[in-house]
Amino acid sequence: MIHVNVLTDSEHQYVGVELMGHAGFADSPAEGQNLVCAAVSALVLNMANSVEHFTDDLFEASQDEEAGGFSYRFTSAVSSESKLLMNSLVFGLLNIEEEYGEPYIKICLKEV
């Protein structure tokens, strides 16, 4: 299962995301496809790359490919552009959770 912690501040604004695990969902296991992992990875990496490319916001990120881990946190004030990108990420992740649910993905909000 992919465990997603969406990090929020005391005002409930998104300030980061942490992911751990693999979904274990595949339409065609013989081909090694994993649709849920691929969808989640695409959304998260697109958000991270978009923040880096389109904003001046500061952040820290790390990944552990083997364990399926990814951590991303803003280290400065979050611009309106990054807020939109984070809102879009969470919207997409929630759609995946609604479509596939447990045991593939679980999303929690975590105040930091």
C-alpha atoms as a PDB file:
ATOM      1  CA  MET A   1       0.000   0.000   0.000  1.00  0.00           C
ATOM      2  CA  ILE A   2       1.099   3.546  -0.680  1.00  0.00           C
ATOM      3  CA  HIS A   3       0.812   5.628   2.488  1.00  0.00           C
ATOM      4  CA  VAL A   4       0.527   9.339   1.719  1.00  0.00           C
ATOM      5  CA  ASN A   5       0.851  12.017   4.373  1.00  0.00           C
ATOM      6  CA  VAL A   6      -0.160  15.415   3.070  1.00  0.00           C
ATOM      7  CA  LEU A   7       1.615  17.891   5.324  1.00  0.00           C
ATOM      8  CA  THR A   8      -0.295  20.971   6.456  1.00  0.00           C
ATOM      9  CA  ASP A   9       0.503  23.992   8.587  1.00  0.00           C
ATOM     10  CA  SER A  10      -1.625  25.284  11.469  1.00  0.00           C
ATOM     11  CA  GLU A  11      -3.801  27.158   8.957  1.00  0.00           C
ATOM     12  CA  HIS A  12      -4.476  23.896   7.048  1.00  0.00           C
ATOM     13  CA  GLN A  13      -2.407  24.998   4.044  1.00  0.00           C
ATOM     14  CA  TYR A  14      -0.449  22.287   2.241  1.00  0.00           C
ATOM     15  CA  VAL A  15       3.293  22.522   2.929  1.00  0.00           C
ATOM     16  CA  GLY A  16       4.543  19.159   1.706  1.00  0.00           C
ATOM     17  CA  VAL A  17       3.931  15.504   1.087  1.00  0.00           C
ATOM     18  CA  GLU A  18       5.448  12.208   2.236  1.00  0.00           C
ATOM     19  CA  LEU A  19       4.899   8.893   0.472  1.00  0.00           C
ATOM     20  CA  MET A  20       5.981   5.401   1.416  1.00  0.00           C
ATOM     21  CA  GLY A  21       5.336   1.999  -0.088  1.00  0.00           C
ATOM     22  CA  HIS A  22       4.127   0.357  -3.257  1.00  0.00           C
ATOM     23  CA  ALA A  23       0.513  -0.172  -4.274  1.00  0.00           C
ATOM     24  CA  GLY A  24       0.817  -3.747  -5.485  1.00  0.00           C
ATOM     25  CA  PHE A  25      -1.929  -3.174  -8.075  1.00  0.00           C
ATOM     26  CA  ALA A  26      -1.241  -4.338 -11.611  1.00  0.00           C
ATOM     27  CA  ASP A  27      -3.520  -4.972 -14.579  1.00  0.00           C
ATOM     28  CA  SER A  28      -0.865  -7.170 -16.113  1.00  0.00           C
ATOM     29  CA  PRO A  29       1.616  -8.436 -13.493  1.00  0.00           C
ATOM     30  CA  ALA A  30       3.539 -10.382 -16.149  1.00  0.00           C
ATOM     31  CA  GLU A  31       4.493  -7.076 -17.745  1.00  0.00           C
ATOM     32  CA  GLY A  32       5.314  -5.504 -14.379  1.00  0.00           C
ATOM     33  CA  GLN A  33       2.754  -2.749 -14.768  1.00  0.00           C
ATOM     34  CA  ASN A  34       1.554  -1.038 -11.640  1.00  0.00           C
ATOM     35  CA  LEU A  35      -1.045   1.547 -12.531  1.00  0.00           C
ATOM     36  CA  VAL A  36      -1.582   3.030  -9.090  1.00  0.00           C
ATOM     37  CA  CYS A  37       2.142   3.477  -8.384  1.00  0.00           C
ATOM     38  CA  ALA A  38       2.676   4.949 -11.832  1.00  0.00           C
ATOM     39  CA  ALA A  39      -0.200   7.402 -11.455  1.00  0.00           C
ATOM     40  CA  VAL A  40       0.886   8.517  -7.990  1.00  0.00           C
ATOM     41  CA  SER A  41       4.513   8.868  -9.084  1.00  0.00           C
ATOM     42  CA  ALA A  42       3.542  10.911 -12.137  1.00  0.00           C
ATOM     43  CA  LEU A  43       1.425  13.315 -10.090  1.00  0.00           C
ATOM     44  CA  VAL A  44       3.990  13.795  -7.333  1.00  0.00           C
ATOM     45  CA  LEU A  45       7.002  14.201  -9.602  1.00  0.00           C
ATOM     46  CA  ASN A  46       5.112  16.569 -11.880  1.00  0.00           C
ATOM     47  CA  MET A  47       4.216  18.756  -8.883  1.00  0.00           C
ATOM     48  CA  ALA A  48       7.818  18.776  -7.637  1.00  0.00           C
ATOM     49  CA  ASN A  49       9.262  19.529 -11.079  1.00  0.00           C
ATOM     50  CA  SER A  50       6.640  22.217 -11.731  1.00  0.00           C
ATOM     51  CA  VAL A  51       7.397  24.007  -8.453  1.00  0.00           C
ATOM     52  CA  GLU A  52      11.086  23.974  -9.312  1.00  0.00           C
ATOM     53  CA  HIS A  53      10.558  25.162 -12.884  1.00  0.00           C
ATOM     54  CA  PHE A  54       7.750  27.697 -12.490  1.00  0.00           C
ATOM     55  CA  THR A  55       8.347  29.227  -9.033  1.00  0.00           C
ATOM     56  CA  ASP A  56      11.141  30.559  -6.859  1.00  0.00           C
ATOM     57  CA  ASP A  57       9.883  28.677  -3.794  1.00  0.00           C
ATOM     58  CA  LEU A  58      12.455  26.835  -1.711  1.00  0.00           C
ATOM     59  CA  PHE A  59      11.958  23.187  -0.801  1.00  0.00           C
ATOM     60  CA  GLU A  60      13.764  20.031   0.224  1.00  0.00           C
ATOM     61  CA  ALA A  61      13.108  16.641  -1.306  1.00  0.00           C
ATOM     62  CA  SER A  62      14.413  13.119  -0.937  1.00  0.00           C
ATOM     63  CA  GLN A  63      13.535   9.741  -2.347  1.00  0.00           C
ATOM     64  CA  ASP A  64      14.090   6.057  -1.679  1.00  0.00           C
ATOM     65  CA  GLU A  65      13.187   4.217  -4.882  1.00  0.00           C
ATOM     66  CA  GLU A  66      13.541   0.735  -3.427  1.00  0.00           C
ATOM     67  CA  ALA A  67      11.162   1.367  -0.522  1.00  0.00           C
ATOM     68  CA  GLY A  68       8.895   3.595  -2.579  1.00  0.00           C
ATOM     69  CA  GLY A  69       9.648   6.610  -0.420  1.00  0.00           C
ATOM     70  CA  PHE A  70       9.438  10.263  -1.401  1.00  0.00           C
ATOM     71  CA  SER A  71       9.475  13.299   0.878  1.00  0.00           C
ATOM     72  CA  TYR A  72       8.869  16.885  -0.235  1.00  0.00           C
ATOM     73  CA  ARG A  73       8.571  19.929   1.996  1.00  0.00           C
ATOM     74  CA  PHE A  74       8.588  23.661   1.364  1.00  0.00           C
ATOM     75  CA  THR A  75      11.283  25.461   3.345  1.00  0.00           C
ATOM     76  CA  SER A  76      10.057  28.979   2.634  1.00  0.00           C
ATOM     77  CA  ALA A  77       6.727  30.732   2.250  1.00  0.00           C
ATOM     78  CA  VAL A  78       4.513  28.932  -0.252  1.00  0.00           C
ATOM     79  CA  SER A  79       3.592  31.075  -3.264  1.00  0.00           C
ATOM     80  CA  SER A  80       0.132  31.111  -4.808  1.00  0.00           C
ATOM     81  CA  GLU A  81       1.518  29.136  -7.766  1.00  0.00           C
ATOM     82  CA  SER A  82       2.832  26.392  -5.479  1.00  0.00           C
ATOM     83  CA  LYS A  83      -0.440  26.364  -3.541  1.00  0.00           C
ATOM     84  CA  LEU A  84      -2.260  25.700  -6.802  1.00  0.00           C
ATOM     85  CA  LEU A  85       0.190  22.931  -7.713  1.00  0.00           C
ATOM     86  CA  MET A  86      -0.218  21.316  -4.283  1.00  0.00           C
ATOM     87  CA  ASN A  87      -4.020  21.609  -4.503  1.00  0.00           C
ATOM     88  CA  SER A  88      -3.897  19.907  -7.893  1.00  0.00           C
ATOM     89  CA  LEU A  89      -1.660  17.141  -6.511  1.00  0.00           C
ATOM     90  CA  VAL A  90      -3.958  16.447  -3.563  1.00  0.00           C
ATOM     91  CA  PHE A  91      -7.019  16.524  -5.843  1.00  0.00           C
ATOM     92  CA  GLY A  92      -5.411  13.931  -8.123  1.00  0.00           C
ATOM     93  CA  LEU A  93      -4.304  11.729  -5.231  1.00  0.00           C
ATOM     94  CA  LEU A  94      -7.781  11.817  -3.695  1.00  0.00           C
ATOM     95  CA  ASN A  95      -9.258  10.780  -7.044  1.00  0.00           C
ATOM     96  CA  ILE A  96      -6.893   7.796  -7.155  1.00  0.00           C
ATOM     97  CA  GLU A  97      -7.810   6.895  -3.578  1.00  0.00           C
ATOM     98  CA  GLU A  98     -11.518   7.138  -4.424  1.00  0.00           C
ATOM     99  CA  GLU A  99     -11.110   4.948  -7.512  1.00  0.00           C
ATOM    100  CA  TYR A 100      -8.811   2.266  -6.081  1.00  0.00           C
ATOM    101  CA  GLY A 101      -8.893   2.763  -2.299  1.00  0.00           C
ATOM    102  CA  GLU A 102      -7.448   0.332   0.177  1.00  0.00           C
ATOM    103  CA  PRO A 103      -5.417  -1.835  -0.031  1.00  0.00           C
ATOM    104  CA  TYR A 104      -3.609   0.236  -2.670  1.00  0.00           C
ATOM    105  CA  ILE A 105      -3.443   3.796  -1.350  1.00  0.00           C
ATOM    106  CA  LYS A 106      -4.286   5.621   1.898  1.00  0.00           C
ATOM    107  CA  ILE A 107      -4.109   9.411   2.238  1.00  0.00           C
ATOM    108  CA  CYS A 108      -3.898  11.226   5.577  1.00  0.00           C
ATOM    109  CA  LEU A 109      -3.490  14.885   6.508  1.00  0.00           C
ATOM    110  CA  LYS A 110      -0.701  15.565   8.985  1.00  0.00           C
ATOM    111  CA  GLU A 111      -0.172  18.925  10.662  1.00  0.00           C
ATOM    112  CA  VAL A 112       3.514  19.802  11.025  1.00  0.00           C
END
